[in-house]
C-alpha atoms as a PDB file:
ATOM      1  CA  MET A   1     -56.154-134.773  33.921  1.00  0.00           C
ATOM      2  CA  LYS A   2     -56.815-131.147  35.254  1.00  0.00           C
ATOM      3  CA  LEU A   3     -54.152-130.791  37.936  1.00  0.00           C
ATOM      4  CA  SER A   4     -50.862-132.207  38.899  1.00  0.00           C
ATOM      5  CA  VAL A   5     -49.714-131.604  42.450  1.00  0.00           C
ATOM      6  CA  ILE A   6     -45.883-132.044  42.804  1.00  0.00           C
ATOM      7  CA  ILE A   7     -44.147-132.641  46.295  1.00  0.00           C
ATOM      8  CA  VAL A   8     -40.409-132.677  46.699  1.00  0.00           C
ATOM      9  CA  ASN A   9     -39.622-134.892  49.779  1.00  0.00           C
ATOM     10  CA  TYR A  10     -36.363-135.244  51.717  1.00  0.00           C
ATOM     11  CA  ASN A  11     -36.673-137.154  55.034  1.00  0.00           C
ATOM     12  CA  HIS A  12     -40.099-135.697  55.834  1.00  0.00           C
ATOM     13  CA  LYS A  13     -42.265-138.578  56.503  1.00  0.00           C
ATOM     14  CA  TYR A  14     -44.475-136.987  59.102  1.00  0.00           C
ATOM     15  CA  PHE A  15     -45.371-133.769  57.222  1.00  0.00           C
ATOM     16  CA  LEU A  16     -45.435-135.540  53.890  1.00  0.00           C
ATOM     17  CA  LYS A  17     -48.117-137.908  55.231  1.00  0.00           C
ATOM     18  CA  LEU A  18     -50.286-135.094  56.528  1.00  0.00           C
ATOM     19  CA  ALA A  19     -49.768-133.333  53.283  1.00  0.00           C
ATOM     20  CA  VAL A  20     -50.950-136.225  51.090  1.00  0.00           C
ATOM     21  CA  GLU A  21     -53.757-137.013  53.407  1.00  0.00           C
ATOM     22  CA  ALA A  22     -55.083-133.503  53.151  1.00  0.00           C
ATOM     23  CA  LEU A  23     -54.912-133.548  49.334  1.00  0.00           C
ATOM     24  CA  GLU A  24     -56.607-136.840  49.248  1.00  0.00           C
ATOM     25  CA  LYS A  25     -59.504-135.209  51.212  1.00  0.00           C
ATOM     26  CA  SER A  26     -59.900-132.397  48.756  1.00  0.00           C
ATOM     27  CA  LYS A  27     -63.238-131.761  47.275  1.00  0.00           C
ATOM     28  CA  THR A  28     -62.711-131.201  43.407  1.00  0.00           C
ATOM     29  CA  THR A  29     -64.962-131.542  40.405  1.00  0.00           C
ATOM     30  CA  PHE A  30     -61.929-132.684  38.520  1.00  0.00           C
ATOM     31  CA  PRO A  31     -59.332-135.434  38.541  1.00  0.00           C
ATOM     32  CA  PHE A  32     -56.008-134.525  39.887  1.00  0.00           C
ATOM     33  CA  GLU A  33     -52.700-136.509  40.405  1.00  0.00           C
ATOM     34  CA  ILE A  34     -50.108-136.482  43.166  1.00  0.00           C
ATOM     35  CA  ILE A  35     -46.530-136.753  42.273  1.00  0.00           C
ATOM     36  CA  VAL A  36     -43.877-137.173  44.958  1.00  0.00           C
ATOM     37  CA  VAL A  37     -40.304-136.660  43.913  1.00  0.00           C
ATOM     38  CA  ASP A  38     -38.138-138.184  46.732  1.00  0.00           C
ATOM     39  CA  ASN A  39     -34.856-136.483  46.902  1.00  0.00           C
ATOM     40  CA  HIS A  40     -32.807-139.642  47.919  1.00  0.00           C
ATOM     41  CA  SER A  41     -34.167-139.591  51.554  1.00  0.00           C
ATOM     42  CA  HIS A  42     -32.326-141.676  53.984  1.00  0.00           C
ATOM     43  CA  ASP A  43     -35.106-142.147  56.704  1.00  0.00           C
ATOM     44  CA  GLU A  44     -36.691-145.552  56.096  1.00  0.00           C
ATOM     45  CA  GLU A  45     -40.018-144.181  57.377  1.00  0.00           C
ATOM     46  CA  SER A  46     -40.344-141.889  54.316  1.00  0.00           C
ATOM     47  CA  LEU A  47     -39.464-144.520  51.930  1.00  0.00           C
ATOM     48  CA  THR A  48     -41.800-147.101  53.356  1.00  0.00           C
ATOM     49  CA  PHE A  49     -44.686-144.605  53.287  1.00  0.00           C
ATOM     50  CA  LEU A  50     -43.969-143.394  49.639  1.00  0.00           C
ATOM     51  CA  ARG A  51     -43.710-146.820  48.379  1.00  0.00           C
ATOM     52  CA  LYS A  52     -46.780-148.080  50.030  1.00  0.00           C
ATOM     53  CA  ALA A  53     -48.573-145.089  48.798  1.00  0.00           C
ATOM     54  CA  HIS A  54     -47.234-145.601  45.155  1.00  0.00           C
ATOM     55  CA  HIS A  55     -48.216-149.240  45.348  1.00  0.00           C
ATOM     56  CA  GLU A  56     -51.809-148.414  46.451  1.00  0.00           C
ATOM     57  CA  LYS A  57     -51.921-145.830  43.472  1.00  0.00           C
ATOM     58  CA  ARG A  58     -52.446-142.953  45.736  1.00  0.00           C
ATOM     59  CA  ILE A  59     -49.408-141.280  44.451  1.00  0.00           C
ATOM     60  CA  THR A  60     -46.745-141.354  41.514  1.00  0.00           C
ATOM     61  CA  LEU A  61     -43.423-141.812  43.109  1.00  0.00           C
ATOM     62  CA  ILE A  62     -40.215-140.694  41.459  1.00  0.00           C
ATOM     63  CA  GLU A  63     -37.185-141.698  43.421  1.00  0.00           C
ATOM     64  CA  ALA A  64     -34.229-139.452  42.607  1.00  0.00           C
ATOM     65  CA  PRO A  65     -30.808-141.486  42.658  1.00  0.00           C
ATOM     66  CA  GLN A  66     -29.173-138.790  44.454  1.00  0.00           C
ATOM     67  CA  ASN A  67     -30.354-135.546  46.253  1.00  0.00           C
ATOM     68  CA  ILE A  68     -30.826-133.211  43.164  1.00  0.00           C
ATOM     69  CA  GLY A  69     -32.040-130.272  45.029  1.00  0.00           C
ATOM     70  CA  PHE A  70     -35.433-128.621  45.485  1.00  0.00           C
ATOM     71  CA  GLY A  71     -35.516-126.981  42.015  1.00  0.00           C
ATOM     72  CA  ARG A  72     -34.581-129.998  39.954  1.00  0.00           C
ATOM     73  CA  GLY A  73     -36.782-132.157  42.011  1.00  0.00           C
ATOM     74  CA  ASN A  74     -39.744-129.787  40.975  1.00  0.00           C
ATOM     75  CA  ASN A  75     -38.675-129.897  37.347  1.00  0.00           C
ATOM     76  CA  LEU A  76     -38.365-133.657  37.339  1.00  0.00           C
ATOM     77  CA  GLY A  77     -42.056-133.872  38.819  1.00  0.00           C
ATOM     78  CA  ALA A  78     -43.304-131.375  36.137  1.00  0.00           C
ATOM     79  CA  GLU A  79     -41.900-133.621  33.514  1.00  0.00           C
ATOM     80  CA  ALA A  80     -43.960-136.462  34.562  1.00  0.00           C
ATOM     81  CA  ALA A  81     -47.048-134.212  35.190  1.00  0.00           C
ATOM     82  CA  ARG A  82     -50.284-134.968  33.248  1.00  0.00           C
ATOM     83  CA  GLY A  83     -52.135-131.936  34.290  1.00  0.00           C
ATOM     84  CA  GLU A  84     -53.414-128.956  32.558  1.00  0.00           C
ATOM     85  CA  TYR A  85     -52.195-127.023  35.671  1.00  0.00           C
ATOM     86  CA  ILE A  86     -49.272-127.650  38.081  1.00  0.00           C
ATOM     87  CA  PHE A  87     -49.371-127.003  41.650  1.00  0.00           C
ATOM     88  CA  PHE A  88     -45.871-127.129  43.452  1.00  0.00           C
ATOM     89  CA  HIS A  89     -46.711-127.985  47.080  1.00  0.00           C
ATOM     90  CA  ASN A  90     -44.320-128.244  49.976  1.00  0.00           C
ATOM     91  CA  PRO A  91     -44.361-131.317  52.132  1.00  0.00           C
ATOM     92  CA  ASP A  92     -44.681-129.176  55.242  1.00  0.00           C
ATOM     93  CA  VAL A  93     -48.058-127.533  53.954  1.00  0.00           C
ATOM     94  CA  THR A  94     -51.505-128.928  54.176  1.00  0.00           C
ATOM     95  CA  VAL A  95     -54.506-127.645  52.042  1.00  0.00           C
ATOM     96  CA  GLN A  96     -58.062-126.987  53.061  1.00  0.00           C
ATOM     97  CA  GLU A  97     -60.632-129.225  51.365  1.00  0.00           C
ATOM     98  CA  ASP A  98     -61.536-126.569  48.821  1.00  0.00           C
ATOM     99  CA  SER A  99     -58.114-125.077  48.207  1.00  0.00           C
ATOM    100  CA  LEU A 100     -57.601-126.956  44.960  1.00  0.00           C
ATOM    101  CA  GLN A 101     -60.884-126.275  43.484  1.00  0.00           C
ATOM    102  CA  VAL A 102     -60.796-122.637  44.407  1.00  0.00           C
ATOM    103  CA  MET A 103     -57.354-122.232  42.877  1.00  0.00           C
ATOM    104  CA  VAL A 104     -58.272-124.122  39.590  1.00  0.00           C
ATOM    105  CA  ASP A 105     -61.688-122.165  39.403  1.00  0.00           C
ATOM    106  CA  PHE A 106     -59.835-118.967  39.661  1.00  0.00           C
ATOM    107  CA  LEU A 107     -57.356-119.936  36.822  1.00  0.00           C
ATOM    108  CA  GLU A 108     -60.246-121.070  34.659  1.00  0.00           C
ATOM    109  CA  GLU A 109     -62.170-117.832  35.172  1.00  0.00           C
ATOM    110  CA  ASN A 110     -59.053-115.837  34.366  1.00  0.00           C
ATOM    111  CA  PRO A 111     -57.275-117.180  31.330  1.00  0.00           C
ATOM    112  CA  GLU A 112     -54.987-114.222  31.165  1.00  0.00           C
ATOM    113  CA  ILE A 113     -53.325-115.221  34.484  1.00  0.00           C
ATOM    114  CA  GLY A 114     -50.427-117.751  34.286  1.00  0.00           C
ATOM    115  CA  MET A 115     -49.504-118.277  37.930  1.00  0.00           C
ATOM    116  CA  ILE A 116     -51.073-117.794  41.334  1.00  0.00           C
ATOM    117  CA  GLY A 117     -50.035-118.455  45.024  1.00  0.00           C
ATOM    118  CA  PRO A 118     -52.599-119.473  47.660  1.00  0.00           C
ATOM    119  CA  LYS A 119     -52.922-117.688  50.779  1.00  0.00           C
ATOM    120  CA  LEU A 120     -50.638-119.139  53.438  1.00  0.00           C
ATOM    121  CA  LEU A 121     -52.058-119.421  57.044  1.00  0.00           C
ATOM    122  CA  TYR A 122     -50.309-120.278  60.300  1.00  0.00           C
ATOM    123  CA  SER A 123     -52.063-123.083  62.226  1.00  0.00           C
ATOM    124  CA  SER A 124     -53.540-120.279  64.375  1.00  0.00           C
ATOM    125  CA  GLY A 125     -55.433-118.930  61.417  1.00  0.00           C
ATOM    126  CA  LYS A 126     -53.107-115.800  61.134  1.00  0.00           C
ATOM    127  CA  ILE A 127     -52.151-114.768  57.585  1.00  0.00           C
ATOM    128  CA  GLN A 128     -48.442-115.775  56.980  1.00  0.00           C
ATOM    129  CA  GLU A 129     -46.735-113.100  55.178  1.00  0.00           C
ATOM    130  CA  SER A 130     -44.306-113.941  52.452  1.00  0.00           C
END
């Protein structure tokens, strides 16, 4: 497994669904997995979507028994990750079709680099400064 994409979710069914669908449309030359850590969501729509996607083998679902926070949720996902690289992905972000390939290619071509962050764009296409 080349890449593990980890998303921590808390009551974000609408955005999470868009994020997962965009990841599934990614064009890569390598296998990758999507791991969603649900931080004890209370909205039934999130849970229904996640359990269905997990049952269909589209994602690996980890259900936290309580809201353990964003950092611990990412750590829980990282513990389950099988990828050579880990991409921490927020549920309210979508990737372009080539984003995963571009990032992994860059890391492969630059082994001295240990961490990268993708360029963030607003829906208008304007760069989001962070």
